[in-house]
């Protein structure tokens, strides 16, 4: 299933601004449709929920990014 940013933000309880920030920080690699609109998949849902759990433990974005390397 594909979700556009507004519906994805609601689904994962984050703001569209936060999602764009995560994309800018390369925590998310977001697909785009032929019109250039971002869309997210079930894989992205799983990944964001994992990021949220890491954030709940007190990890910073910088630490999460370092763990991706």
N, C-alpha and C. Protein backbone atom coordinates (compact mmCIF):
# COMPACT_ATOMS: atom_id res chain seq x y z
N UNK A 1 0.84 -1.18 0.00
CA UNK A 1 0.00 0.00 0.00
C UNK A 1 0.89 1.25 0.00
N UNK A 2 0.44 2.28 -0.68
CA UNK A 2 1.16 3.55 -0.72
C UNK A 2 0.41 4.60 0.09
N UNK A 3 1.16 5.38 0.83
CA UNK A 3 0.60 6.47 1.62
C UNK A 3 1.29 7.77 1.21
N UNK A 4 0.50 8.80 0.99
CA UNK A 4 1.08 10.11 0.75
C UNK A 4 1.36 10.75 2.11
N UNK A 5 2.11 11.81 2.13
CA UNK A 5 2.69 12.33 3.37
C UNK A 5 1.64 12.64 4.45
N UNK A 6 0.52 13.21 4.08
CA UNK A 6 -0.49 13.55 5.08
C UNK A 6 -1.07 12.32 5.76
N UNK A 7 -1.43 11.33 4.97
CA UNK A 7 -2.01 10.12 5.56
C UNK A 7 -0.94 9.31 6.30
N UNK A 8 0.29 9.34 5.80
CA UNK A 8 1.37 8.63 6.49
C UNK A 8 1.66 9.29 7.83
N UNK A 9 1.69 10.62 7.86
CA UNK A 9 1.93 11.35 9.10
C UNK A 9 0.88 10.98 10.15
N UNK A 10 -0.37 10.91 9.73
CA UNK A 10 -1.44 10.52 10.65
C UNK A 10 -1.24 9.09 11.12
N UNK A 11 -0.91 8.20 10.21
CA UNK A 11 -0.74 6.78 10.52
C UNK A 11 0.34 6.54 11.57
N UNK A 12 1.45 7.27 11.47
CA UNK A 12 2.58 7.05 12.38
C UNK A 12 2.66 8.10 13.49
N UNK A 13 1.67 8.97 13.56
CA UNK A 13 1.57 10.00 14.61
C UNK A 13 2.80 10.91 14.66
N UNK A 14 3.22 11.36 13.49
CA UNK A 14 4.28 12.35 13.37
C UNK A 14 3.78 13.44 12.43
N UNK A 15 4.39 14.60 12.53
CA UNK A 15 3.99 15.68 11.62
C UNK A 15 4.68 15.49 10.26
N UNK A 16 4.08 16.09 9.24
CA UNK A 16 4.70 16.07 7.91
C UNK A 16 6.07 16.76 7.98
N UNK A 17 6.16 17.79 8.79
CA UNK A 17 7.44 18.49 8.97
C UNK A 17 8.52 17.54 9.49
N UNK A 18 8.17 16.73 10.48
CA UNK A 18 9.12 15.77 11.04
C UNK A 18 9.54 14.75 10.00
N UNK A 19 8.59 14.27 9.21
CA UNK A 19 8.91 13.31 8.16
C UNK A 19 9.87 13.90 7.13
N UNK A 20 9.63 15.16 6.77
CA UNK A 20 10.53 15.82 5.82
C UNK A 20 11.93 15.99 6.42
N UNK A 21 11.97 16.29 7.72
CA UNK A 21 13.25 16.42 8.42
C UNK A 21 13.99 15.08 8.41
N UNK A 22 13.30 13.99 8.71
CA UNK A 22 13.92 12.67 8.69
C UNK A 22 14.43 12.33 7.30
N UNK A 23 13.70 12.76 6.29
CA UNK A 23 14.16 12.55 4.92
C UNK A 23 15.44 13.36 4.66
N UNK A 24 15.43 14.61 5.08
CA UNK A 24 16.60 15.49 4.90
C UNK A 24 17.82 14.91 5.61
N UNK A 25 17.60 14.32 6.79
CA UNK A 25 18.68 13.73 7.56
C UNK A 25 19.04 12.32 7.08
N UNK A 26 18.37 11.88 6.04
CA UNK A 26 18.58 10.58 5.41
C UNK A 26 18.27 9.39 6.31
N UNK A 27 17.34 9.61 7.24
CA UNK A 27 16.82 8.48 8.02
C UNK A 27 15.78 7.73 7.22
N UNK A 28 15.16 8.42 6.28
CA UNK A 28 14.16 7.83 5.40
C UNK A 28 14.58 8.07 3.96
N UNK A 29 14.46 7.05 3.15
CA UNK A 29 14.65 7.21 1.72
C UNK A 29 13.25 7.10 1.12
N UNK A 30 12.72 8.22 0.69
CA UNK A 30 11.32 8.30 0.28
C UNK A 30 11.19 8.18 -1.24
N UNK A 31 10.26 7.35 -1.63
CA UNK A 31 9.95 7.20 -3.06
C UNK A 31 9.09 8.38 -3.50
N UNK A 32 9.08 8.63 -4.78
CA UNK A 32 8.23 9.67 -5.34
C UNK A 32 7.48 9.11 -6.54
N UNK A 33 6.24 9.59 -6.72
CA UNK A 33 5.46 9.14 -7.88
C UNK A 33 5.86 9.97 -9.10
N UNK A 34 5.21 9.72 -10.22
CA UNK A 34 5.56 10.42 -11.46
C UNK A 34 5.32 11.92 -11.37
N UNK A 35 4.45 12.34 -10.46
CA UNK A 35 4.20 13.76 -10.26
C UNK A 35 5.14 14.38 -9.24
N UNK A 36 6.06 13.59 -8.70
CA UNK A 36 7.02 14.11 -7.73
C UNK A 36 6.55 14.09 -6.29
N UNK A 37 5.35 13.55 -6.05
CA UNK A 37 4.82 13.49 -4.68
C UNK A 37 5.46 12.34 -3.91
N UNK A 38 5.84 12.64 -2.66
CA UNK A 38 6.38 11.60 -1.79
C UNK A 38 5.31 10.55 -1.53
N UNK A 39 5.75 9.31 -1.46
CA UNK A 39 4.85 8.28 -0.95
C UNK A 39 5.64 7.29 -0.11
N UNK A 40 4.94 6.70 0.82
CA UNK A 40 5.53 5.81 1.80
C UNK A 40 4.86 4.45 1.70
N UNK A 41 5.59 3.40 2.10
CA UNK A 41 5.10 2.04 2.02
C UNK A 41 5.03 1.42 3.41
N UNK A 42 4.57 0.18 3.47
CA UNK A 42 4.51 -0.54 4.74
C UNK A 42 5.91 -0.69 5.34
N UNK A 43 6.91 -0.83 4.50
CA UNK A 43 8.30 -0.91 4.97
C UNK A 43 8.67 0.37 5.73
N UNK A 44 8.21 1.51 5.21
CA UNK A 44 8.48 2.80 5.87
C UNK A 44 7.76 2.89 7.20
N UNK A 45 6.56 2.31 7.28
CA UNK A 45 5.82 2.29 8.55
C UNK A 45 6.65 1.57 9.60
N UNK A 46 7.13 0.39 9.24
CA UNK A 46 7.94 -0.41 10.17
C UNK A 46 9.19 0.35 10.60
N UNK A 47 9.86 0.99 9.65
CA UNK A 47 11.09 1.72 9.94
C UNK A 47 10.82 2.92 10.86
N UNK A 48 9.77 3.68 10.58
CA UNK A 48 9.46 4.85 11.41
C UNK A 48 9.10 4.42 12.83
N UNK A 49 8.33 3.35 12.96
CA UNK A 49 7.98 2.87 14.29
C UNK A 49 9.24 2.46 15.06
N UNK A 50 10.20 1.88 14.37
CA UNK A 50 11.48 1.54 15.00
C UNK A 50 12.23 2.80 15.43
N UNK A 51 12.28 3.78 14.56
CA UNK A 51 12.94 5.05 14.90
C UNK A 51 12.27 5.68 16.12
N UNK A 52 10.94 5.64 16.15
CA UNK A 52 10.23 6.21 17.31
C UNK A 52 10.60 5.48 18.60
N UNK A 53 10.75 4.17 18.54
CA UNK A 53 11.16 3.39 19.73
C UNK A 53 12.57 3.80 20.17
N UNK A 54 13.47 3.97 19.20
CA UNK A 54 14.82 4.40 19.54
C UNK A 54 14.79 5.78 20.20
N UNK A 55 13.98 6.68 19.65
CA UNK A 55 13.86 8.03 20.22
C UNK A 55 13.32 7.96 21.65
N UNK A 56 12.39 7.03 21.91
CA UNK A 56 11.83 6.87 23.26
C UNK A 56 12.90 6.45 24.26
N UNK A 57 13.96 5.78 23.80
CA UNK A 57 15.04 5.37 24.68
C UNK A 57 16.01 6.51 24.95
N UNK A 58 15.82 7.63 24.25
CA UNK A 58 16.69 8.78 24.44
C UNK A 58 17.75 8.94 23.37
N UNK A 59 17.74 8.07 22.37
CA UNK A 59 18.72 8.19 21.30
C UNK A 59 18.44 9.45 20.47
N UNK A 60 19.50 10.09 20.07
CA UNK A 60 19.38 11.28 19.22
C UNK A 60 19.34 10.84 17.76
N UNK A 61 18.94 11.76 16.90
CA UNK A 61 18.94 11.50 15.46
C UNK A 61 20.36 11.17 15.01
N UNK A 62 21.33 11.89 15.56
CA UNK A 62 22.72 11.66 15.19
C UNK A 62 23.14 10.23 15.54
N UNK A 63 22.74 9.75 16.72
CA UNK A 63 23.07 8.38 17.13
C UNK A 63 22.37 7.35 16.25
N UNK A 64 21.13 7.63 15.90
CA UNK A 64 20.38 6.70 15.02
C UNK A 64 21.06 6.64 13.66
N UNK A 65 21.44 7.79 13.14
CA UNK A 65 22.13 7.82 11.84
C UNK A 65 23.44 7.05 11.90
N UNK A 66 24.19 7.21 12.99
CA UNK A 66 25.46 6.51 13.14
C UNK A 66 25.24 5.00 13.14
N UNK A 67 24.16 4.54 13.71
CA UNK A 67 23.83 3.12 13.74
C UNK A 67 23.48 2.55 12.39
N UNK A 68 23.09 3.41 11.45
CA UNK A 68 22.75 2.97 10.09
C UNK A 68 23.99 2.64 9.27
N UNK A 69 25.11 3.23 9.64
CA UNK A 69 26.35 3.05 8.85
C UNK A 69 26.87 1.65 8.92
